Structures are given as C-alpha cells and as structure tokens.
Amino acid sequence: MTSTLYLAVQYLRFHAARSAIVVLAVALIIAVPAVIHLLLDASERQMTARAASTPLVVGARGSTLDLVLNSLYFTGDRPPLTSVAASEEVWASGLAAAIPLYARFEAQGAPIVGTTLDYFEFRGLEVADGRDLAVLGEAVLGATVARDLGLAPGDSLVSSPENLFDLGGTYPLRMPVVGVLAATGGPDDRAVFVDLKTAWVIEGIGHGHGEAAEADDLLARTERNVVAGPALPTFAEITPENIDSFHFHGSSDSYSVTAVIAVPNDERSGVILRGRYLDREEPLQIVVPQDVVDGLLATMFRIGRLIDTVVATIALAAVLAIALVFYMSLELRRGEIETVFRLGCRRSTILRLIGAEIAILLGAGIVFAAVVVSAIAAGREDLALWLLGSWE
C-alpha cells in the first residue's frame, strides 16, 4: 500500500499543473455553496437583529426600503429628506421618544451620521477610547472606521464634498476626533458620528465667520487667468477662536434630517402612533423595520435558491469535466498501464494506483475547501457587513 501511494504521489507531482487544476476545481465545487450559505446566514442574523431592535422609523414618504437601509445600516440610496419637525411631532405625541438621524454625508468613504446622544444610549454604544461628543464640530468614530483609517482621539477627519464641481457648494468640514466607540460587530462600527448641528454645518445651513483675508491672498492672477491664492480655504474648521461666530439661518424646525427613530412607550402607544401616519396625503410615513427587512430577506432567499440551482448545475458540469480529465488521462496512459501489466503487476494493483491518485486529488480538494470555508467563517460577520455596505 505504501508503494502504491508513493507511485501515485510521484505521478501527481510530475503532472503538477494538471493536478493543481483538479484540486482547485474540487475545492470550488465544495466551497462555493458553503460560503454562499455562510454569508446569507450572517447577513440574515445582522439584518434581523438590527431591525428587531428598532421599533419604528419615521421619514418622508417614499421607498420604505431606502428609508430602513439608510436609517439602520447607513447604506442604500438616500431617502427623501424631511425636517427636524418630524422629531418634534413624535415627542409632542407623548407616545414615543424620538431620535433624529441625518445620514447623508461621508468622510473618506465612511457615512457621517448626525444624531443626538440618545442614539448612543439606544444602541448601547460605549466609548472605548476618548470621550463622547460635547462641542460643535467634533466626531466620534466607529471601531472599524478608526482601525481602517488609523485614527485615534486627537486626530482629525475631513468630510467629503458631495460634488467636486459644485462651485456654490460648501467647503468640507474638518472635524477633530474625540472618541472611538467599542466594537459592536454592526453597522455602527463603520460610521462617523457627529452632533446634528455639526451635520447641518456640513450641509451649509450653519457657518461661522473667521478673519477676512486680503483679496490678493485669496486669488492670484497669472498672465492668462485667475487661480486660487494661498489663503483660499480648502475646508472649514470649527476652532475655539471661531466657534462663537457659528450660527444657523432659517427656522430650526426646517433643518433637514433623513429619518427619526421612534421608541414607543409601550406596544399600545406604538399602535396608536402608527395610526397617525396612515393618511396617504400625509408627507411623512412610519414603518416597522422588522416587516421591511423580512420582505427583503424573503427576496434574498428566493435569489439564494436560484443561486443554489445555478451552482449545482455548474458543479455537475465541473464533476463531468473532472471525470473527462481522468478518462483522457487513462487513455493517454494506456501504453504505460499495459507495460506495467506486462512487467507482472496485477490489474488490482493498477486499479489501486489509479484509485490512490483520485483519492489524493479529492482529499487535497476537500482540505483546501475546508481551509477556505473556515477562513470565510471566521470573518463572515465583517464580510456580511461589507456586503450590506456594497448595496449603496
């Protein structure tokens, strides 16, 4: 038996390229369905847990899916904006607490979420390094954002402009990082949190007045045109020197938010509150995130079953291709096998040799697939979260 295995190993080493292709094909046949189900299960857990912990969401009437994805996961298309008056309306009902959200802007690819400190308590978020938000213009980072960007309390982060070609737009805001949240394994890890007023400053509703620069410092004239001068700012920044000059224009009730999380006092209060938004003419809508996510998951699993069918068909084709490779190999080795037989080897020995080669290839493919699946399984929560983010 040892000699049979030795000959099989030596033969496979001699045909290393062909052997590697067969091993890879076997590994893919086994690993792909397993990885798909791992990621679907992880996505389902994350989405279900997040939705179940969020009782109600109020927002502008439109796509309920966009509203839920933006409010819970900070991904997907941005829903129509509503005003902070929607939050005041929920508070005034006496039926629920209101937590406004403004998730519209980004900083180096991470969503900026403007909210109140109530959100941190609601989600059970704790600061692992630094402190909570306290002053206009400050930012607290999720654990993943801090790790990926290499930022810590004392550093700063600049918001990304919505449109580089909007000459009338506002400057990006440079925000000091004052805290990093403890990891939760959810979407909050990938977000940058600021105060609502800071989000409004980024939007351009609020602004300050610094020292005026000379015109020649702001603009420099060349022989052919006028270019930016050294004093022209490339971002806004709130400092102890200019914070007192920051102010907001217009009625505070008209300031923008993307959604309001409503936390009812009890189940009866939630039902009554939902009834107040049933009118189709009402500019606001209220949704139960669990219902929206359940509908989305049902669609995902229908797609998952379709993927299983496709993968099974491809796997069958791959198995047939592998069988063809072995058959062609035997045809090419017919002379070699005949020579071995004439040297006195029994047919059973030849069969054991071929069987050993097949077993080694299949075993190597299974081991490789197990390694890949184990690696994916270890990081499936992060991968599932990345997939949720890729919906944007």
Foldseek 3Di string as FASTA:
>chain_A
DVVLLVVLVVVCVVVVVVLVVLLQLLLCLPQVLLLLVLLLVLLLVQLLVQLVLFFKKKFFDDDPLQLLLCVRQVADDFDDKAFCVVQVVLVVVVFWHKWFWAFDWAFPLFTEIAIDVVVCVSVVKDFPAFDDDDAAQAKEAAQQQCVVVVDHQPAKTWIDDPDPPPPPFAAIEIGGYGTYIDHDLGSRNRHIYGHNVNVLVRRVQKDFDDDDDDPCQQWPDDPPGIDGHPPNDRHHYQDPVIVVRIDGDDDNRGHITRMMRIGGPDPVSVVVVQVVAPDPVDRMHMDSSSVVVVVVSVVVVVVSVVVVVVSVVVSVVSVVVVVVVLVVVCVVCVVVVVVVVVVPDDPVSVVSSSVSSVVVSSVSSVVVSVVVSVVCSVCSSVVSSVVSNVND
